[in-house]
Amino acid sequence: MYPTTLTQLARVNPFCAPVFALQKVEEPRQSTAVQGQNSRRLAAAAVSEEGDSCEFGSQKYFLLCGLGGILSCGTTHTAVVPLDLIKCRIQVNPDKYKSIFKGFSITIREDGLRGLAKGWAPTFFGYSMQGLCKFGFYEVFKIMYGDLMGEENAYMWRTSLYLAASASAEFFADIALAPMEAVKVRIQTQPGFANTLRQALPKMYAEEGLWAFYKGVVPLWMRQIPYTMMKFACFERTVEALYKFVVPKPRNECTKSEQLVVTFVAGYIAGVFCAIVSHPADSVVSVLNKEKGSTAMQVLKKLGVKATCMLYGQRCLSHRCVRIVHLHTSPPAALDSSQLCALEPPQCSQAGVWKGLVARIIMIGTLTALQWFIYDSVKVYFRLPRPPPPEMPESLKKKLGLTE
């Protein structure tokens, strides 16, 4: 074999013969070590950190993100089944379950402590499938839409990117959730119908066919798509703001525990907004799955009348409410405030689509925070790439004149 010095000269010589390029050259061990360092640098360019178990955006990455979604959504929704049970009963029967505490006391008195766990099985399976699609597809769509937009546009329009990716993911996630959500609500809100998933499934199919499991998918989209858009977009921007204005050091200097605390706080803030945005559609879903043969618009109109009357006070002292009540009298008569509520007392005692909002804020705020905490913990455990908050690309900085 050629000595090392001759080999180097041959490579530099512009007139070298092709035979030199075809010869096998044994380099010293020192050169081999340098080549190994270069290969590691190339690998680190593909993976965000040297300790990551897979490449960002790889198939393994998406699968493990889906697993994180299963664990985060399935476990958390199952853990708050008692609160969800009371929330659903307040929505469909507010005359009996007038508050959270009364709902718990009535349920325990009638069904015992085991009654608070009604619907846990469809909750676990349904929301596990939803979590798989929600978090897994979100990562897929975020990368796909970001590549289509380009690096600069993806940064400038990152909130729109989060909204579009989360909405696309939730569209498919709700199709997976709808059957189990229908079973859960029927078990929780219709006494005597069924106590378990095995009892409810064949009974619902025998009564209404396959439509029984998918008649609530449109209201689910109405509830879950705005909820998920707020959940992901608000979380992403809140994390960015916390690291920028609250956390006293950069993210790469924070420990894993400190990063998870930021994740939990951002998740809870996002959860509060999620509950408010999605609550009207959640009320429609609860009533719709309880009542046979109803449509989403029929339930919304029914609840909307109740909300209108509640809006002007339970005693109906507003002039606008007087005009509404006059429509029910023939011929219209001058009614005092003591006569108004006697005409339609049920409508004057319920808050319509906003009933149960407090319970939902507590439940969804806690749920969302725990989901993001568990999801991020899964990423840490499996050593998945966790990119830092987005920064302005260098090319955009040059265009804006921010760098010399």
Protein backbone atom coordinates (compact mmCIF):
# COMPACT_ATOMS: atom_id res chain seq x y z
CA MET A 1 0.00 0.00 0.00
CA TYR A 2 1.07 3.60 -0.55
CA PRO A 3 2.58 5.55 2.32
CA THR A 4 0.51 8.27 3.87
CA THR A 5 2.58 11.17 2.46
CA LEU A 6 2.38 9.90 -1.12
CA THR A 7 -1.35 9.33 -0.74
CA GLN A 8 -1.95 12.89 0.36
CA LEU A 9 0.15 14.27 -2.50
CA ALA A 10 -1.72 12.11 -4.99
CA ARG A 11 -5.06 13.41 -3.75
CA VAL A 12 -3.95 17.04 -3.98
CA ASN A 13 -2.34 16.64 -7.43
CA PRO A 14 -4.86 17.84 -10.05
CA PHE A 15 -3.28 15.62 -12.73
CA CYS A 16 -3.52 12.39 -10.75
CA ALA A 17 -4.60 9.29 -12.60
CA PRO A 18 -7.94 7.65 -11.82
CA VAL A 19 -6.08 4.63 -10.49
CA PHE A 20 -5.24 6.53 -7.34
CA ALA A 21 -8.90 7.09 -6.58
CA LEU A 22 -9.59 3.39 -6.92
CA GLN A 23 -6.84 2.13 -4.64
CA LYS A 24 -7.60 1.14 -1.08
CA VAL A 25 -5.50 3.23 1.25
CA GLU A 26 -4.95 2.40 4.88
CA GLU A 27 -4.84 5.62 6.85
CA PRO A 28 -3.24 5.84 10.30
CA ARG A 29 -5.42 5.36 13.38
CA GLN A 30 -5.41 9.06 14.10
CA SER A 31 -7.14 9.75 10.78
CA THR A 32 -9.75 7.10 11.55
CA ALA A 33 -10.59 8.86 14.79
CA VAL A 34 -11.05 12.15 12.95
CA GLN A 35 -13.41 10.47 10.49
CA GLY A 36 -15.42 9.09 13.39
CA GLN A 37 -15.77 12.57 14.87
CA ASN A 38 -17.00 13.90 11.53
CA SER A 39 -19.61 11.16 11.22
CA ARG A 40 -20.91 11.95 14.69
CA ARG A 41 -21.27 15.59 13.74
CA LEU A 42 -23.34 14.61 10.70
CA ALA A 43 -25.58 12.42 12.86
CA ALA A 44 -26.04 15.22 15.35
CA ALA A 45 -27.20 17.47 12.53
CA ALA A 46 -30.05 15.05 11.80
CA VAL A 47 -31.00 14.52 15.45
CA SER A 48 -31.63 17.55 17.64
CA GLU A 49 -29.45 16.28 20.50
CA GLU A 50 -26.78 13.62 20.77
CA GLY A 51 -28.79 11.72 23.41
CA ASP A 52 -32.02 11.52 21.40
CA SER A 53 -33.29 8.02 20.64
CA CYS A 54 -34.61 8.85 17.15
CA GLU A 55 -34.64 11.52 14.51
CA PHE A 56 -37.16 14.36 14.74
CA GLY A 57 -40.02 13.63 12.33
CA SER A 58 -39.17 9.96 11.84
CA GLN A 59 -41.74 7.16 11.93
CA LYS A 60 -40.52 6.07 15.37
CA TYR A 61 -40.92 9.63 16.60
CA PHE A 62 -44.56 9.81 15.45
CA LEU A 63 -45.39 6.40 16.93
CA LEU A 64 -43.96 7.30 20.33
CA CYS A 65 -45.80 10.64 20.23
CA GLY A 66 -49.01 8.66 19.62
CA LEU A 67 -48.18 6.47 22.62
CA GLY A 68 -47.72 9.60 24.69
CA GLY A 69 -51.15 10.76 23.55
CA ILE A 70 -52.72 7.45 24.61
CA LEU A 71 -51.20 7.67 28.08
CA SER A 72 -51.94 11.36 28.57
CA CYS A 73 -55.57 11.39 27.39
CA GLY A 74 -56.70 7.91 28.43
CA THR A 75 -55.42 8.07 32.00
CA THR A 76 -56.39 11.67 32.76
CA HIS A 77 -59.95 11.46 31.44
CA THR A 78 -60.48 8.21 33.33
CA ALA A 79 -59.14 9.78 36.54
CA VAL A 80 -61.76 12.57 36.44
CA VAL A 81 -64.74 10.37 35.55
CA PRO A 82 -66.57 11.30 38.82
CA LEU A 83 -66.37 15.01 38.01
CA ASP A 84 -67.31 14.37 34.39
CA LEU A 85 -70.31 12.33 35.57
CA ILE A 86 -71.61 15.19 37.70
CA LYS A 87 -70.95 17.71 34.93
CA CYS A 88 -72.99 15.69 32.42
CA ARG A 89 -75.86 15.24 34.89
CA ILE A 90 -75.95 18.97 35.62
CA GLN A 91 -76.20 19.63 31.88
CA VAL A 92 -79.04 17.19 31.18
CA ASN A 93 -80.98 17.46 34.48
CA PRO A 94 -80.20 20.81 36.16
CA ASP A 95 -83.42 20.75 38.22
CA LYS A 96 -82.15 17.75 40.17
CA TYR A 97 -78.39 18.36 40.09
CA LYS A 98 -78.23 22.08 40.85
CA SER A 99 -74.53 22.31 41.74
CA ILE A 100 -71.37 20.24 41.88
CA PHE A 101 -71.67 19.50 45.59
CA LYS A 102 -75.36 18.60 45.37
CA GLY A 103 -74.60 16.42 42.37
CA PHE A 104 -71.98 14.47 44.30
CA SER A 105 -74.20 14.07 47.38
CA ILE A 106 -77.23 12.90 45.36
CA THR A 107 -75.16 10.44 43.31
CA ILE A 108 -73.48 8.94 46.39
CA ARG A 109 -76.84 8.69 48.20
CA GLU A 110 -78.55 6.95 45.26
CA ASP A 111 -75.73 4.82 43.78
CA GLY A 112 -73.03 4.72 46.43
CA LEU A 113 -69.37 5.48 45.82
CA ARG A 114 -69.27 2.99 42.95
CA GLY A 115 -71.82 5.12 41.14
CA LEU A 116 -69.20 7.85 40.69
CA ALA A 117 -67.19 5.51 38.44
CA LYS A 118 -69.99 4.94 35.92
CA GLY A 119 -68.70 5.15 32.38
CA TRP A 120 -65.01 4.65 33.16
CA ALA A 121 -64.50 1.92 30.52
CA PRO A 122 -65.81 3.84 27.47
CA THR A 123 -63.99 6.89 28.78
CA PHE A 124 -60.66 5.06 28.92
CA PHE A 125 -60.91 3.37 25.52
CA GLY A 126 -62.49 6.33 23.74
CA TYR A 127 -60.07 8.97 24.94
CA SER A 128 -57.07 6.69 24.48
CA MET A 129 -57.94 6.43 20.79
CA GLN A 130 -58.56 10.16 20.67
CA GLY A 131 -55.18 10.87 22.28
CA LEU A 132 -53.41 8.62 19.79
CA CYS A 133 -54.84 10.57 16.86
CA LYS A 134 -54.74 14.00 18.50
CA PHE A 135 -51.10 14.13 19.56
CA GLY A 136 -49.73 11.81 16.89
CA PHE A 137 -51.42 13.56 13.96
CA TYR A 138 -50.66 16.99 15.42
CA GLU A 139 -46.94 16.29 15.16
CA VAL A 140 -47.44 14.96 11.62
CA PHE A 141 -49.48 17.93 10.40
CA LYS A 142 -47.29 20.50 12.14
CA ILE A 143 -44.19 19.25 10.34
CA MET A 144 -46.02 18.76 7.03
CA TYR A 145 -47.65 22.21 7.02
CA GLY A 146 -44.42 23.81 8.22
CA ASP A 147 -42.50 22.29 5.31
CA LEU A 148 -45.14 23.54 2.87
CA MET A 149 -44.99 27.06 4.29
CA GLY A 150 -41.22 27.31 4.40
CA GLU A 151 -38.99 28.23 7.34
CA GLU A 152 -39.66 31.97 7.34
CA ASN A 153 -43.43 31.78 6.86
CA ALA A 154 -43.70 28.97 9.40
CA TYR A 155 -42.12 31.26 12.00
CA MET A 156 -44.08 34.40 11.14
CA TRP A 157 -47.40 32.50 10.94
CA ARG A 158 -46.64 29.95 13.65
CA THR A 159 -49.91 30.54 15.51
CA SER A 160 -51.86 29.82 12.33
CA LEU A 161 -49.66 26.76 11.85
CA TYR A 162 -50.56 25.47 15.33
CA LEU A 163 -54.26 26.12 14.72
CA ALA A 164 -54.32 24.37 11.34
CA ALA A 165 -52.33 21.35 12.51
CA SER A 166 -54.42 20.85 15.67
CA ALA A 167 -57.73 21.25 13.82
CA SER A 168 -56.68 18.68 11.22
CA ALA A 169 -55.61 16.22 13.90
CA GLU A 170 -58.78 16.64 15.94
CA PHE A 171 -60.98 16.00 12.92
CA PHE A 172 -59.75 12.41 12.80
CA ALA A 173 -59.48 12.08 16.58
CA ASP A 174 -63.20 12.77 17.05
CA ILE A 175 -64.16 10.06 14.58
CA ALA A 176 -62.26 7.63 16.79
CA LEU A 177 -63.82 9.06 19.97
CA ALA A 178 -67.48 9.35 18.92
CA PRO A 179 -68.68 5.74 19.57
CA MET A 180 -67.28 5.53 23.11
CA GLU A 181 -68.40 9.08 23.94
CA ALA A 182 -71.98 8.18 23.02
CA VAL A 183 -71.85 5.08 25.21
CA LYS A 184 -70.33 7.01 28.12
CA VAL A 185 -72.97 9.73 28.11
CA ARG A 186 -75.81 7.19 27.84
CA ILE A 187 -74.48 5.24 30.85
CA GLN A 188 -73.94 8.36 32.94
CA THR A 189 -77.12 10.30 32.22
CA GLN A 190 -79.84 7.68 31.65
CA PRO A 191 -80.56 5.80 34.90
CA GLY A 192 -81.32 2.13 34.45
CA PHE A 193 -80.13 1.96 30.84
CA ALA A 194 -76.84 0.14 31.47
CA ASN A 195 -74.06 0.05 34.02
CA THR A 196 -71.17 -1.29 31.93
CA LEU A 197 -69.73 -0.98 28.44
CA ARG A 198 -70.63 -4.59 27.63
CA GLN A 199 -74.27 -3.94 28.48
CA ALA A 200 -74.58 -0.59 26.69
CA LEU A 201 -72.96 -1.42 23.32
CA PRO A 202 -75.40 -4.14 22.13
CA LYS A 203 -78.38 -2.32 23.61
CA MET A 204 -77.65 0.92 21.79
CA TYR A 205 -76.99 -0.92 18.53
CA ALA A 206 -80.29 -2.83 18.85
CA GLU A 207 -82.29 0.36 19.46
CA GLU A 208 -80.77 2.81 16.95
CA GLY A 209 -78.24 0.88 14.88
CA LEU A 210 -74.84 2.25 13.95
CA TRP A 211 -76.24 5.80 13.94
CA ALA A 212 -76.40 5.69 17.74
CA PHE A 213 -72.60 5.80 17.91
CA TYR A 214 -71.97 8.50 15.31
CA LYS A 215 -74.92 10.89 15.63
CA GLY A 216 -72.83 12.98 18.00
CA VAL A 217 -69.76 13.29 15.77
CA VAL A 218 -70.77 16.71 14.38
CA PRO A 219 -71.36 18.21 17.85
CA LEU A 220 -68.07 16.58 18.85
CA TRP A 221 -66.34 18.47 16.05
CA MET A 222 -68.09 21.64 17.25
CA ARG A 223 -66.80 21.03 20.77
CA GLN A 224 -63.42 19.40 20.28
CA ILE A 225 -61.97 21.22 17.27
CA PRO A 226 -62.17 24.71 18.88
CA TYR A 227 -61.04 23.12 22.15
CA THR A 228 -58.01 21.46 20.56
CA MET A 229 -57.10 24.52 18.51
CA MET A 230 -57.04 26.56 21.70
CA LYS A 231 -55.29 23.77 23.59
CA PHE A 232 -52.32 23.48 21.25
CA ALA A 233 -51.99 27.08 20.04
CA CYS A 234 -52.42 28.60 23.49
CA PHE A 235 -50.02 26.06 25.00
CA GLU A 236 -47.32 26.63 22.38
CA ARG A 237 -47.48 30.42 22.67
CA THR A 238 -47.72 30.31 26.48
CA VAL A 239 -44.60 28.16 26.71
CA GLU A 240 -42.84 30.60 24.42
CA ALA A 241 -43.95 33.56 26.59
CA LEU A 242 -43.00 31.86 29.87
CA TYR A 243 -39.46 31.18 28.72
CA LYS A 244 -39.19 34.70 27.33
CA PHE A 245 -40.68 36.76 30.17
CA VAL A 246 -40.98 34.59 33.30
CA VAL A 247 -38.28 31.91 33.46
CA PRO A 248 -35.02 33.65 34.43
CA LYS A 249 -32.78 31.48 32.24
CA PRO A 250 -32.89 29.97 28.74
CA ARG A 251 -34.61 26.66 28.19
CA ASN A 252 -31.41 24.79 27.37
CA GLU A 253 -30.08 25.74 30.81
CA CYS A 254 -33.18 24.48 32.63
CA THR A 255 -33.27 20.98 34.08
CA LYS A 256 -35.82 18.44 32.86
CA SER A 257 -37.86 18.95 36.05
CA GLU A 258 -37.93 22.72 35.57
CA GLN A 259 -39.03 22.28 31.97
CA LEU A 260 -41.85 19.97 33.06
CA VAL A 261 -43.05 22.57 35.59
CA VAL A 262 -43.26 25.13 32.78
CA THR A 263 -45.17 22.56 30.73
CA PHE A 264 -47.70 22.03 33.54
CA VAL A 265 -48.29 25.76 34.11
CA ALA A 266 -48.72 26.46 30.40
CA GLY A 267 -51.08 23.48 30.11
CA TYR A 268 -53.33 24.75 32.91
CA ILE A 269 -53.53 28.24 31.42
CA ALA A 270 -54.46 26.75 28.07
CA GLY A 271 -57.04 24.47 29.73
CA VAL A 272 -59.03 27.36 31.20
CA PHE A 273 -59.47 28.96 27.78
CA CYS A 274 -60.27 25.56 26.26
CA ALA A 275 -63.14 24.98 28.70
CA ILE A 276 -64.78 28.33 27.95
CA VAL A 277 -64.50 27.99 24.18
CA SER A 278 -65.86 24.45 23.97
CA HIS A 279 -68.51 24.41 26.70
CA PRO A 280 -71.64 25.30 24.66
CA ALA A 281 -71.01 22.42 22.25
CA ASP A 282 -70.25 20.12 25.20
CA SER A 283 -73.72 20.82 26.61
CA VAL A 284 -75.27 19.96 23.24
CA VAL A 285 -73.35 16.65 23.12
CA SER A 286 -74.50 15.66 26.61
CA VAL A 287 -78.19 16.33 25.92
CA LEU A 288 -78.06 14.88 22.39
CA ASN A 289 -76.64 11.53 23.47
CA LYS A 290 -79.26 11.26 26.20
CA GLU A 291 -82.32 11.99 24.04
CA LYS A 292 -83.36 9.63 21.27
CA GLY A 293 -84.17 11.02 17.83
CA SER A 294 -82.93 14.54 18.56
CA THR A 295 -80.62 16.51 16.30
CA ALA A 296 -77.88 18.93 17.26
CA MET A 297 -79.85 21.95 16.05
CA GLN A 298 -82.97 20.92 17.97
CA VAL A 299 -80.98 20.58 21.20
CA LEU A 300 -79.18 23.87 20.59
CA LYS A 301 -82.46 25.72 20.05
CA LYS A 302 -83.92 24.13 23.16
CA LEU A 303 -80.95 25.11 25.28
CA GLY A 304 -80.72 28.50 23.62
CA VAL A 305 -84.22 29.50 24.81
CA LYS A 306 -83.28 28.62 28.36
CA ALA A 307 -80.06 30.58 28.12
CA THR A 308 -81.92 33.64 26.80
CA CYS A 309 -84.32 33.68 29.67
CA MET A 310 -81.57 33.19 32.21
CA LEU A 311 -79.60 36.01 30.64
CA TYR A 312 -82.13 38.59 31.81
CA GLY A 313 -82.44 37.26 35.37
CA GLN A 314 -84.46 34.51 36.99
CA ARG A 315 -87.27 36.90 37.87
CA CYS A 316 -87.59 38.09 34.24
CA LEU A 317 -87.59 41.82 35.06
CA SER A 318 -86.07 42.90 31.73
CA HIS A 319 -88.35 44.60 29.17
CA ARG A 320 -86.93 42.34 26.44
CA CYS A 321 -87.92 39.27 28.44
CA VAL A 322 -91.40 40.74 28.93
CA ARG A 323 -91.80 40.89 25.16
CA ILE A 324 -90.76 37.21 24.90
CA VAL A 325 -93.34 36.14 27.47
CA HIS A 326 -96.03 38.27 25.78
CA LEU A 327 -95.73 36.01 22.74
CA HIS A 328 -97.21 33.17 24.80
CA THR A 329 -100.35 35.11 25.71
CA SER A 330 -103.29 35.69 23.40
CA PRO A 331 -104.19 38.51 23.31
CA PRO A 332 -100.99 40.06 24.75
CA ALA A 333 -101.61 41.39 28.21
CA ALA A 334 -99.74 43.69 30.57
CA LEU A 335 -98.11 41.27 33.00
CA ASP A 336 -96.30 42.17 36.18
CA SER A 337 -93.11 40.48 37.31
CA SER A 338 -94.93 38.08 39.64
CA GLN A 339 -96.89 36.59 36.72
CA LEU A 340 -94.00 36.16 34.28
CA CYS A 341 -92.21 33.23 35.84
CA ALA A 342 -95.47 31.33 36.31
CA LEU A 343 -95.80 30.87 32.54
CA GLU A 344 -92.62 28.88 31.89
CA PRO A 345 -90.77 28.18 35.15
CA PRO A 346 -88.38 25.55 33.72
CA GLN A 347 -86.99 28.04 31.21
CA CYS A 348 -86.45 30.66 33.88
CA SER A 349 -84.45 28.38 36.17
CA GLN A 350 -81.80 26.99 33.83
CA ALA A 351 -78.68 28.49 32.29
CA GLY A 352 -78.87 26.61 28.99
CA VAL A 353 -75.61 25.87 27.22
CA TRP A 354 -73.51 27.47 30.00
CA LYS A 355 -74.78 25.22 32.77
CA GLY A 356 -71.94 23.29 34.40
CA LEU A 357 -69.23 25.69 33.21
CA VAL A 358 -67.51 25.90 36.61
CA ALA A 359 -67.20 22.13 36.84
CA ARG A 360 -65.88 22.00 33.30
CA ILE A 361 -63.25 24.70 33.94
CA ILE A 362 -61.95 22.78 36.96
CA MET A 363 -61.99 19.49 35.06
CA ILE A 364 -60.55 20.71 31.75
CA GLY A 365 -57.94 22.95 33.35
CA THR A 366 -56.61 20.08 35.42
CA LEU A 367 -56.95 17.65 32.53
CA THR A 368 -55.08 19.80 30.04
CA ALA A 369 -52.24 20.52 32.45
CA LEU A 370 -51.83 16.84 33.32
CA GLN A 371 -52.05 15.79 29.67
CA TRP A 372 -49.24 18.09 28.61
CA PHE A 373 -47.20 17.07 31.67
CA ILE A 374 -47.60 13.35 30.92
CA TYR A 375 -47.03 13.84 27.19
CA ASP A 376 -43.82 15.79 27.78
CA SER A 377 -42.72 13.24 30.41
CA VAL A 378 -43.13 10.45 27.84
CA LYS A 379 -40.89 12.40 25.47
CA VAL A 380 -38.29 12.77 28.20
CA TYR A 381 -38.49 9.09 29.17
CA PHE A 382 -38.06 7.81 25.60
CA ARG A 383 -35.48 10.51 24.84
CA LEU A 384 -37.48 11.96 21.96
CA PRO A 385 -36.33 15.20 20.32
CA ARG A 386 -37.87 18.20 22.10
CA PRO A 387 -37.08 21.30 20.05
CA PRO A 388 -36.82 24.59 21.98
CA PRO A 389 -39.33 27.41 21.45
CA PRO A 390 -39.08 28.74 17.88
CA GLU A 391 -36.59 31.46 17.08
CA MET A 392 -36.50 33.82 14.12
CA PRO A 393 -34.50 32.31 11.23
CA GLU A 394 -31.24 34.02 10.35
CA SER A 395 -32.44 34.66 6.80
CA LEU A 396 -35.47 36.55 8.14
CA LYS A 397 -33.29 38.54 10.53
CA LYS A 398 -31.16 39.66 7.58
CA LYS A 399 -34.25 40.66 5.58
CA LEU A 400 -35.55 42.71 8.50
CA GLY A 401 -32.15 44.27 9.09
CA LEU A 402 -31.78 42.81 12.58
CA THR A 403 -28.28 41.51 11.87
CA GLU A 404 -25.31 43.07 10.16
